[in-house]
Amino acid sequence: MKVLYKPFGIVLGILAGLLSKKLFEAVWGVFDKEEPPKPTTLEATWPKVLGAAAVQGVTFKVTRAAVDRVGAKGWDHLFGVWPGDKHQEKSQAAEVVR
């Protein structure tokens, strides 16, 4: 059943990308009335370019995580099989700290 989740996950990823683009446009509109600058725009300032990139990155990652989580919960509800890992693996860095 987990193999069948892959195509479902790909579709969810595409939907998450489309949704995050719309959310970013809405969030950026709160900060600035102009379009977000591209890094290659000559007149754009460093803070504005980096700020736009940071807001876009956070918006994308949070939207993707939310959509992935809803998809996994829905898959588990429909088929009774969790599509991902059941437990988070401990990192080697965490072992060194202890």
PDB file of N, CA and C in Angstrom:
ATOM      1  N   MET A   1       0.816  -1.203   0.000  1.00  0.00           N
ATOM      2  CA  MET A   1       0.000   0.000   0.000  1.00  0.00           C
ATOM      3  C   MET A   1       0.859   1.267   0.000  1.00  0.00           C
ATOM      4  N   LYS A   2       2.036   1.193   0.644  1.00  0.00           N
ATOM      5  CA  LYS A   2       2.896   2.368   0.688  1.00  0.00           C
ATOM      6  C   LYS A   2       3.389   2.757  -0.700  1.00  0.00           C
ATOM      7  N   VAL A   3       3.571   1.765  -1.574  1.00  0.00           N
ATOM      8  CA  VAL A   3       4.010   2.039  -2.944  1.00  0.00           C
ATOM      9  C   VAL A   3       2.942   2.839  -3.683  1.00  0.00           C
ATOM     10  N   LEU A   4       1.700   2.560  -3.420  1.00  0.00           N
ATOM     11  CA  LEU A   4       0.603   3.280  -4.067  1.00  0.00           C
ATOM     12  C   LEU A   4       0.499   4.723  -3.584  1.00  0.00           C
ATOM     13  N   TYR A   5       1.096   5.014  -2.437  1.00  0.00           N
ATOM     14  CA  TYR A   5       1.050   6.374  -1.905  1.00  0.00           C
ATOM     15  C   TYR A   5       1.932   7.322  -2.724  1.00  0.00           C
ATOM     16  N   LYS A   6       2.967   6.798  -3.385  1.00  0.00           N
ATOM     17  CA  LYS A   6       3.906   7.643  -4.137  1.00  0.00           C
ATOM     18  C   LYS A   6       3.206   8.536  -5.164  1.00  0.00           C
ATOM     19  N   PRO A   7       2.389   7.996  -6.072  1.00  0.00           N
ATOM     20  CA  PRO A   7       1.709   8.874  -7.033  1.00  0.00           C
ATOM     21  C   PRO A   7       0.777   9.874  -6.340  1.00  0.00           C
ATOM     22  N   PHE A   8       0.130   9.408  -5.282  1.00  0.00           N
ATOM     23  CA  PHE A   8      -0.742  10.280  -4.495  1.00  0.00           C
ATOM     24  C   PHE A   8       0.079  11.422  -3.893  1.00  0.00           C
ATOM     25  N   GLY A   9       1.252  11.098  -3.371  1.00  0.00           N
ATOM     26  CA  GLY A   9       2.143  12.101  -2.791  1.00  0.00           C
ATOM     27  C   GLY A   9       2.643  13.097  -3.818  1.00  0.00           C
ATOM     28  N   ILE A  10       2.883  12.627  -5.036  1.00  0.00           N
ATOM     29  CA  ILE A  10       3.324  13.525  -6.107  1.00  0.00           C
ATOM     30  C   ILE A  10       2.233  14.535  -6.441  1.00  0.00           C
ATOM     31  N   VAL A  11       1.009  14.068  -6.539  1.00  0.00           N
ATOM     32  CA  VAL A  11      -0.120  14.970  -6.805  1.00  0.00           C
ATOM     33  C   VAL A  11      -0.266  15.971  -5.664  1.00  0.00           C
ATOM     34  N   LEU A  12      -0.132  15.500  -4.430  1.00  0.00           N
ATOM     35  CA  LEU A  12      -0.200  16.409  -3.285  1.00  0.00           C
ATOM     36  C   LEU A  12       0.908  17.454  -3.342  1.00  0.00           C
ATOM     37  N   GLY A  13       2.091  17.053  -3.768  1.00  0.00           N
ATOM     38  CA  GLY A  13       3.204  17.990  -3.886  1.00  0.00           C
ATOM     39  C   GLY A  13       2.922  19.087  -4.893  1.00  0.00           C
ATOM     40  N   ILE A  14       2.324  18.718  -6.013  1.00  0.00           N
ATOM     41  CA  ILE A  14       1.965  19.710  -7.032  1.00  0.00           C
ATOM     42  C   ILE A  14       0.915  20.671  -6.482  1.00  0.00           C
ATOM     43  N   LEU A  15      -0.091  20.124  -5.815  1.00  0.00           N
ATOM     44  CA  LEU A  15      -1.128  20.973  -5.218  1.00  0.00           C
ATOM     45  C   LEU A  15      -0.544  21.891  -4.153  1.00  0.00           C
ATOM     46  N   ALA A  16       0.385  21.377  -3.357  1.00  0.00           N
ATOM     47  CA  ALA A  16       1.023  22.195  -2.327  1.00  0.00           C
ATOM     48  C   ALA A  16       1.803  23.342  -2.962  1.00  0.00           C
ATOM     49  N   GLY A  17       2.469  23.076  -4.074  1.00  0.00           N
ATOM     50  CA  GLY A  17       3.202  24.127  -4.769  1.00  0.00           C
ATOM     51  C   GLY A  17       2.290  25.227  -5.284  1.00  0.00           C
ATOM     52  N   LEU A  18       1.170  24.829  -5.859  1.00  0.00           N
ATOM     53  CA  LEU A  18       0.208  25.819  -6.364  1.00  0.00           C
ATOM     54  C   LEU A  18      -0.395  26.634  -5.222  1.00  0.00           C
ATOM     55  N   LEU A  19      -0.748  25.950  -4.146  1.00  0.00           N
ATOM     56  CA  LEU A  19      -1.322  26.635  -2.990  1.00  0.00           C
ATOM     57  C   LEU A  19      -0.314  27.579  -2.353  1.00  0.00           C
ATOM     58  N   SER A  20       0.933  27.140  -2.226  1.00  0.00           N
ATOM     59  CA  SER A  20       1.942  27.990  -1.591  1.00  0.00           C
ATOM     60  C   SER A  20       2.221  29.235  -2.425  1.00  0.00           C
ATOM     61  N   LYS A  21       2.122  29.125  -3.743  1.00  0.00           N
ATOM     62  CA  LYS A  21       2.318  30.296  -4.598  1.00  0.00           C
ATOM     63  C   LYS A  21       1.240  31.339  -4.318  1.00  0.00           C
ATOM     64  N   LYS A  22      -0.008  30.886  -4.222  1.00  0.00           N
ATOM     65  CA  LYS A  22      -1.114  31.811  -3.930  1.00  0.00           C
ATOM     66  C   LYS A  22      -0.965  32.422  -2.536  1.00  0.00           C
ATOM     67  N   LEU A  23      -0.583  31.594  -1.567  1.00  0.00           N
ATOM     68  CA  LEU A  23      -0.394  32.100  -0.207  1.00  0.00           C
ATOM     69  C   LEU A  23       0.744  33.111  -0.147  1.00  0.00           C
ATOM     70  N   PHE A  24       1.834  32.842  -0.848  1.00  0.00           N
ATOM     71  CA  PHE A  24       2.956  33.775  -0.866  1.00  0.00           C
ATOM     72  C   PHE A  24       2.537  35.118  -1.445  1.00  0.00           C
ATOM     73  N   GLU A  25       1.780  35.090  -2.524  1.00  0.00           N
ATOM     74  CA  GLU A  25       1.311  36.345  -3.119  1.00  0.00           C
ATOM     75  C   GLU A  25       0.476  37.140  -2.122  1.00  0.00           C
ATOM     76  N   ALA A  26      -0.372  36.445  -1.365  1.00  0.00           N
ATOM     77  CA  ALA A  26      -1.199  37.123  -0.364  1.00  0.00           C
ATOM     78  C   ALA A  26      -0.351  37.666   0.780  1.00  0.00           C
ATOM     79  N   VAL A  27       0.602  36.870   1.253  1.00  0.00           N
ATOM     80  CA  VAL A  27       1.458  37.302   2.365  1.00  0.00           C
ATOM     81  C   VAL A  27       2.356  38.446   1.923  1.00  0.00           C
ATOM     82  N   TRP A  28       2.932  38.351   0.731  1.00  0.00           N
ATOM     83  CA  TRP A  28       3.813  39.418   0.255  1.00  0.00           C
ATOM     84  C   TRP A  28       3.036  40.723   0.106  1.00  0.00           C
ATOM     85  N   GLY A  29       1.767  40.651  -0.265  1.00  0.00           N
ATOM     86  CA  GLY A  29       0.938  41.844  -0.391  1.00  0.00           C
ATOM     87  C   GLY A  29       0.794  42.613   0.911  1.00  0.00           C
ATOM     88  N   VAL A  30       0.956  41.938   2.038  1.00  0.00           N
ATOM     89  CA  VAL A  30       0.915  42.609   3.340  1.00  0.00           C
ATOM     90  C   VAL A  30       2.172  43.454   3.528  1.00  0.00           C
ATOM     91  N   PHE A  31       3.315  42.969   3.042  1.00  0.00           N
ATOM     92  CA  PHE A  31       4.588  43.657   3.223  1.00  0.00           C
ATOM     93  C   PHE A  31       4.819  44.760   2.204  1.00  0.00           C
ATOM     94  N   ASP A  32       4.395  44.531   0.975  1.00  0.00           N
ATOM     95  CA  ASP A  32       4.713  45.460  -0.100  1.00  0.00           C
ATOM     96  C   ASP A  32       3.625  45.394  -1.166  1.00  0.00           C
ATOM     97  N   LYS A  33       3.275  46.533  -1.714  1.00  0.00           N
ATOM     98  CA  LYS A  33       2.236  46.586  -2.743  1.00  0.00           C
ATOM     99  C   LYS A  33       2.775  46.204  -4.119  1.00  0.00           C
ATOM    100  N   GLU A  34       4.106  46.223  -4.291  1.00  0.00           N
ATOM    101  CA  GLU A  34       4.711  45.841  -5.562  1.00  0.00           C
ATOM    102  C   GLU A  34       4.916  44.333  -5.612  1.00  0.00           C
ATOM    103  N   GLU A  35       5.197  43.839  -6.806  1.00  0.00           N
ATOM    104  CA  GLU A  35       5.532  42.424  -6.979  1.00  0.00           C
ATOM    105  C   GLU A  35       6.824  42.128  -6.219  1.00  0.00           C
ATOM    106  N   PRO A  36       6.991  40.908  -5.732  1.00  0.00           N
ATOM    107  CA  PRO A  36       8.257  40.573  -5.072  1.00  0.00           C
ATOM    108  C   PRO A  36       9.407  40.657  -6.079  1.00  0.00           C
ATOM    109  N   PRO A  37      10.545  41.200  -5.650  1.00  0.00           N
ATOM    110  CA  PRO A  37      11.652  41.365  -6.595  1.00  0.00           C
ATOM    111  C   PRO A  37      12.339  40.043  -6.916  1.00  0.00           C
ATOM    112  N   LYS A  38      12.846  39.961  -8.118  1.00  0.00           N
ATOM    113  CA  LYS A  38      13.681  38.823  -8.501  1.00  0.00           C
ATOM    114  C   LYS A  38      15.109  39.156  -8.061  1.00  0.00           C
ATOM    115  N   PRO A  39      15.903  38.161  -7.747  1.00  0.00           N
ATOM    116  CA  PRO A  39      17.281  38.429  -7.324  1.00  0.00           C
ATOM    117  C   PRO A  39      18.110  39.161  -8.377  1.00  0.00           C
ATOM    118  N   THR A  40      17.720  39.078  -9.631  1.00  0.00           N
ATOM    119  CA  THR A  40      18.480  39.725 -10.705  1.00  0.00           C
ATOM    120  C   THR A  40      17.966  41.117 -11.056  1.00  0.00           C
ATOM    121  N   THR A  41      16.985  41.630 -10.308  1.00  0.00           N
ATOM    122  CA  THR A  41      16.473  42.974 -10.556  1.00  0.00           C
ATOM    123  C   THR A  41      17.480  43.988 -10.030  1.00  0.00           C
ATOM    124  N   LEU A  42      17.988  44.849 -10.900  1.00  0.00           N
ATOM    125  CA  LEU A  42      19.050  45.786 -10.547  1.00  0.00           C
ATOM    126  C   LEU A  42      18.642  46.741  -9.431  1.00  0.00           C
ATOM    127  N   GLU A  43      17.441  47.291  -9.492  1.00  0.00           N
ATOM    128  CA  GLU A  43      17.025  48.314  -8.537  1.00  0.00           C
ATOM    129  C   GLU A  43      16.552  47.754  -7.197  1.00  0.00           C
ATOM    130  N   ALA A  44      16.409  46.460  -7.081  1.00  0.00           N
ATOM    131  CA  ALA A  44      15.940  45.856  -5.828  1.00  0.00           C
ATOM    132  C   ALA A  44      17.059  45.869  -4.792  1.00  0.00           C
ATOM    133  N   THR A  45      16.694  46.187  -3.564  1.00  0.00           N
ATOM    134  CA  THR A  45      17.690  46.209  -2.490  1.00  0.00           C
ATOM    135  C   THR A  45      17.923  44.797  -1.953  1.00  0.00           C
ATOM    136  N   TRP A  46      19.095  44.609  -1.318  1.00  0.00           N
ATOM    137  CA  TRP A  46      19.404  43.313  -0.712  1.00  0.00           C
ATOM    138  C   TRP A  46      18.351  42.902   0.310  1.00  0.00           C
ATOM    139  N   PRO A  47      17.968  43.786   1.241  1.00  0.00           N
ATOM    140  CA  PRO A  47      16.964  43.356   2.234  1.00  0.00           C
ATOM    141  C   PRO A  47      15.637  42.934   1.601  1.00  0.00           C
ATOM    142  N   LYS A  48      15.226  43.636   0.556  1.00  0.00           N
ATOM    143  CA  LYS A  48      13.955  43.301  -0.086  1.00  0.00           C
ATOM    144  C   LYS A  48      14.043  41.957  -0.816  1.00  0.00           C
ATOM    145  N   VAL A  49      15.148  41.718  -1.517  1.00  0.00           N
ATOM    146  CA  VAL A  49      15.329  40.454  -2.238  1.00  0.00           C
ATOM    147  C   VAL A  49      15.409  39.292  -1.256  1.00  0.00           C
ATOM    148  N   LEU A  50      16.224  39.439  -0.209  1.00  0.00           N
ATOM    149  CA  LEU A  50      16.376  38.357   0.766  1.00  0.00           C
ATOM    150  C   LEU A  50      15.111  38.163   1.595  1.00  0.00           C
ATOM    151  N   GLY A  51      14.427  39.258   1.905  1.00  0.00           N
ATOM    152  CA  GLY A  51      13.159  39.148   2.631  1.00  0.00           C
ATOM    153  C   GLY A  51      12.111  38.402   1.822  1.00  0.00           C
ATOM    154  N   ALA A  52      12.026  38.718   0.542  1.00  0.00           N
ATOM    155  CA  ALA A  52      11.066  38.020  -0.325  1.00  0.00           C
ATOM    156  C   ALA A  52      11.403  36.537  -0.413  1.00  0.00           C
ATOM    157  N   ALA A  53      12.688  36.221  -0.535  1.00  0.00           N
ATOM    158  CA  ALA A  53      13.104  34.814  -0.613  1.00  0.00           C
ATOM    159  C   ALA A  53      12.789  34.079   0.687  1.00  0.00           C
ATOM    160  N   ALA A  54      13.012  34.742   1.819  1.00  0.00           N
ATOM    161  CA  ALA A  54      12.736  34.110   3.114  1.00  0.00           C
ATOM    162  C   ALA A  54      11.240  33.859   3.299  1.00  0.00           C
ATOM    163  N   VAL A  55      10.429  34.848   2.984  1.00  0.00           N
ATOM    164  CA  VAL A  55       8.976  34.688   3.115  1.00  0.00           C
ATOM    165  C   VAL A  55       8.481  33.592   2.174  1.00  0.00           C
ATOM    166  N   GLN A  56       9.004  33.569   0.963  1.00  0.00           N
ATOM    167  CA  GLN A  56       8.598  32.541   0.001  1.00  0.00           C
ATOM    168  C   GLN A  56       9.019  31.151   0.475  1.00  0.00           C
ATOM    169  N   GLY A  57      10.223  31.028   1.010  1.00  0.00           N
ATOM    170  CA  GLY A  57      10.702  29.734   1.496  1.00  0.00           C
ATOM    171  C   GLY A  57       9.888  29.209   2.656  1.00  0.00           C
ATOM    172  N   VAL A  58       9.620  30.076   3.615  1.00  0.00           N
ATOM    173  CA  VAL A  58       8.824  29.667   4.780  1.00  0.00           C
ATOM    174  C   VAL A  58       7.408  29.294   4.350  1.00  0.00           C
ATOM    175  N   THR A  59       6.824  30.101   3.485  1.00  0.00           N
ATOM    176  CA  THR A  59       5.468  29.822   3.009  1.00  0.00           C
ATOM    177  C   THR A  59       5.410  28.471   2.306  1.00  0.00           C
ATOM    178  N   PHE A  60       6.393  28.195   1.455  1.00  0.00           N
ATOM    179  CA  PHE A  60       6.400  26.923   0.727  1.00  0.00           C
ATOM    180  C   PHE A  60       6.571  25.741   1.673  1.00  0.00           C
ATOM    181  N   LYS A  61       7.544  25.799   2.568  1.00  0.00           N
ATOM    182  CA  LYS A  61       7.825  24.658   3.445  1.00  0.00           C
ATOM    183  C   LYS A  61       6.662  24.373   4.397  1.00  0.00           C
ATOM    184  N   VAL A  62       6.064  25.412   4.959  1.00  0.00           N
ATOM    185  CA  VAL A  62       4.944  25.211   5.888  1.00  0.00           C
ATOM    186  C   VAL A  62       3.730  24.660   5.138  1.00  0.00           C
ATOM    187  N   THR A  63       3.446  25.204   3.960  1.00  0.00           N
ATOM    188  CA  THR A  63       2.322  24.707   3.164  1.00  0.00           C
ATOM    189  C   THR A  63       2.550  23.257   2.765  1.00  0.00           C
ATOM    190  N   ARG A  64       3.762  22.942   2.337  1.00  0.00           N
ATOM    191  CA  ARG A  64       4.083  21.567   1.923  1.00  0.00           C
ATOM    192  C   ARG A  64       3.938  20.599   3.094  1.00  0.00           C
ATOM    193  N   ALA A  65       4.428  21.003   4.267  1.00  0.00           N
ATOM    194  CA  ALA A  65       4.321  20.134   5.442  1.00  0.00           C
ATOM    195  C   ALA A  65       2.861  19.901   5.820  1.00  0.00           C
ATOM    196  N   ALA A  66       2.054  20.959   5.771  1.00  0.00           N
ATOM    197  CA  ALA A  66       0.637  20.825   6.127  1.00  0.00           C
ATOM    198  C   ALA A  66      -0.093  19.914   5.135  1.00  0.00           C
ATOM    199  N   VAL A  67       0.151  20.109   3.848  1.00  0.00           N
ATOM    200  CA  VAL A  67      -0.515  19.287   2.829  1.00  0.00           C
ATOM    201  C   VAL A  67      -0.048  17.835   2.922  1.00  0.00           C
ATOM    202  N   ASP A  68       1.252  17.623   3.118  1.00  0.00           N
ATOM    203  CA  ASP A  68       1.768  16.254   3.273  1.00  0.00           C
ATOM    204  C   ASP A  68       1.157  15.566   4.487  1.00  0.00           C
ATOM    205  N   ARG A  69       1.039  16.301   5.577  1.00  0.00           N
ATOM    206  CA  ARG A  69       0.483  15.714   6.802  1.00  0.00           C
ATOM    207  C   ARG A  69      -0.991  15.358   6.612  1.00  0.00           C
ATOM    208  N   VAL A  70      -1.762  16.255   6.014  1.00  0.00           N
ATOM    209  CA  VAL A  70      -3.179  15.984   5.757  1.00  0.00           C
ATOM    210  C   VAL A  70      -3.322  14.787   4.816  1.00  0.00           C
ATOM    211  N   GLY A  71      -2.464  14.707   3.809  1.00  0.00           N
ATOM    212  CA  GLY A  71      -2.504  13.577   2.885  1.00  0.00           C
ATOM    213  C   GLY A  71      -2.202  12.259   3.578  1.00  0.00           C
ATOM    214  N   ALA A  72      -1.195  12.256   4.443  1.00  0.00           N
ATOM    215  CA  ALA A  72      -0.836  11.032   5.172  1.00  0.00           C
ATOM    216  C   ALA A  72      -1.946  10.616   6.128  1.00  0.00           C
ATOM    217  N   LYS A  73      -2.528  11.581   6.822  1.00  0.00           N
ATOM    218  CA  LYS A  73      -3.631  11.270   7.743  1.00  0.00           C
ATOM    219  C   LYS A  73      -4.834  10.730   6.964  1.00  0.00           C
ATOM    220  N   GLY A  74      -5.134  11.332   5.816  1.00  0.00           N
ATOM    221  CA  GLY A  74      -6.245  10.858   4.988  1.00  0.00           C
ATOM    222  C   GLY A  74      -5.996   9.454   4.465  1.00  0.00           C
ATOM    223  N   TRP A  75      -4.770   9.181   4.022  1.00  0.00           N
ATOM    224  CA  TRP A  75      -4.405   7.851   3.533  1.00  0.00           C
ATOM    225  C   TRP A  75      -4.565   6.817   4.645  1.00  0.00           C
ATOM    226  N   ASP A  76      -4.092   7.166   5.828  1.00  0.00           N
ATOM    227  CA  ASP A  76      -4.212   6.264   6.978  1.00  0.00           C
ATOM    228  C   ASP A  76      -5.681   6.019   7.318  1.00  0.00           C
ATOM    229  N   HIS A  77      -6.484   7.059   7.255  1.00  0.00           N
ATOM    230  CA  HIS A  77      -7.911   6.928   7.562  1.00  0.00           C
ATOM    231  C   HIS A  77      -8.616   6.034   6.530  1.00  0.00           C
ATOM    232  N   LEU A  78      -8.292   6.221   5.255  1.00  0.00           N
ATOM    233  CA  LEU A  78      -8.951   5.453   4.193  1.00  0.00           C
ATOM    234  C   LEU A  78      -8.493   3.992   4.117  1.00  0.00           C
ATOM    235  N   PHE A  79      -7.180   3.773   4.271  1.00  0.00           N
ATOM    236  CA  PHE A  79      -6.633   2.438   4.032  1.00  0.00           C
ATOM    237  C   PHE A  79      -6.063   1.757   5.274  1.00  0.00           C
ATOM    238  N   GLY A  80      -5.980   2.476   6.381  1.00  0.00           N
ATOM    239  CA  GLY A  80      -5.466   1.881   7.612  1.00  0.00           C
ATOM    240  C   GLY A  80      -3.971   1.624   7.604  1.00  0.00           C
ATOM    241  N   VAL A  81      -3.248   2.291   6.702  1.00  0.00           N
ATOM    242  CA  VAL A  81      -1.795   2.119   6.605  1.00  0.00           C
ATOM    243  C   VAL A  81      -1.142   3.495   6.600  1.00  0.00           C
ATOM    244  N   TRP A  82      -0.226   3.716   7.547  1.00  0.00           N
ATOM    245  CA  TRP A  82       0.495   4.991   7.578  1.00  0.00           C
ATOM    246  C   TRP A  82       1.554   4.961   6.477  1.00  0.00           C
ATOM    247  N   PRO A  83       1.585   5.978   5.588  1.00  0.00           N
ATOM    248  CA  PRO A  83       2.473   5.920   4.433  1.00  0.00           C
ATOM    249  C   PRO A  83       3.939   6.253   4.712  1.00  0.00           C
ATOM    250  N   GLY A  84       4.231   6.766   5.868  1.00  0.00           N
ATOM    251  CA  GLY A  84       5.610   7.161   6.167  1.00  0.00           C
ATOM    252  C   GLY A  84       6.178   6.390   7.332  1.00  0.00           C
ATOM    253  N   ASP A  85       7.183   6.976   7.961  1.00  0.00           N
ATOM    254  CA  ASP A  85       7.804   6.367   9.129  1.00  0.00           C
ATOM    255  C   ASP A  85       6.883   6.505  10.331  1.00  0.00           C
ATOM    256  N   LYS A  86       6.864   5.478  11.162  1.00  0.00           N
ATOM    257  CA  LYS A  86       6.033   5.534  12.371  1.00  0.00           C
ATOM    258  C   LYS A  86       6.754   6.259  13.502  1.00  0.00           C
ATOM    259  N   HIS A  87       8.081   6.185  13.517  1.00  0.00           N
ATOM    260  CA  HIS A  87       8.873   6.830  14.563  1.00  0.00           C
ATOM    261  C   HIS A  87       9.980   7.642  13.912  1.00  0.00           C
ATOM    262  N   GLN A  88      10.299   8.759  14.542  1.00  0.00           N
ATOM    263  CA  GLN A  88      11.384   9.582  14.036  1.00  0.00           C
ATOM    264  C   GLN A  88      12.714   8.938  14.424  1.00  0.00           C
ATOM    265  N   GLU A  89      13.605   8.821  13.448  1.00  0.00           N
ATOM    266  CA  GLU A  89      14.907   8.238  13.724  1.00  0.00           C
ATOM    267  C   GLU A  89      15.767   9.237  14.491  1.00  0.00           C
ATOM    268  N   LYS A  90      16.582   8.730  15.405  1.00  0.00           N
ATOM    269  CA  LYS A  90      17.496   9.591  16.146  1.00  0.00           C
ATOM    270  C   LYS A  90      18.688   9.909  15.252  1.00  0.00           C
ATOM    271  N   SER A  91      19.088  11.157  15.262  1.00  0.00           N
ATOM    272  CA  SER A  91      20.228  11.553  14.446  1.00  0.00           C
ATOM    273  C   SER A  91      21.528  11.213  15.169  1.00  0.00           C
ATOM    274  N   GLN A  92      22.595  11.108  14.422  1.00  0.00           N
ATOM    275  CA  GLN A  92      23.892  10.838  15.022  1.00  0.00           C
ATOM    276  C   GLN A  92      24.328  11.999  15.891  1.00  0.00           C
ATOM    277  N   ALA A  93      23.959  13.213  15.511  1.00  0.00           N
ATOM    278  CA  ALA A  93      24.316  14.383  16.308  1.00  0.00           C
ATOM    279  C   ALA A  93      23.664  14.318  17.680  1.00  0.00           C
ATOM    280  N   ALA A  94      22.429  13.848  17.747  1.00  0.00           N
ATOM    281  CA  ALA A  94      21.743  13.728  19.033  1.00  0.00           C
ATOM    282  C   ALA A  94      22.434  12.704  19.919  1.00  0.00           C
ATOM    283  N   GLU A  95      22.960  11.649  19.326  1.00  0.00           N
ATOM    284  CA  GLU A  95      23.666  10.622  20.089  1.00  0.00           C
ATOM    285  C   GLU A  95      24.983  11.159  20.638  1.00  0.00           C
ATOM    286  N   VAL A  96      25.672  12.007  19.877  1.00  0.00           N
ATOM    287  CA  VAL A  96      26.952  12.567  20.313  1.00  0.00           C
ATOM    288  C   VAL A  96      26.747  13.504  21.491  1.00  0.00           C
ATOM    289  N   VAL A  97      25.669  14.273  21.478  1.00  0.00           N
ATOM    290  CA  VAL A  97      25.389  15.242  22.539  1.00  0.00           C
ATOM    291  C   VAL A  97      25.133  14.540  23.861  1.00  0.00           C
ATOM    292  N   ARG A  98      24.531  13.383  23.822  1.00  0.00           N
ATOM    293  CA  ARG A  98      24.217  12.663  25.049  1.00  0.00           C
ATOM    294  C   ARG A  98      25.442  12.090  25.592  1.00  0.00           C
TER     295      ARG A  98
END
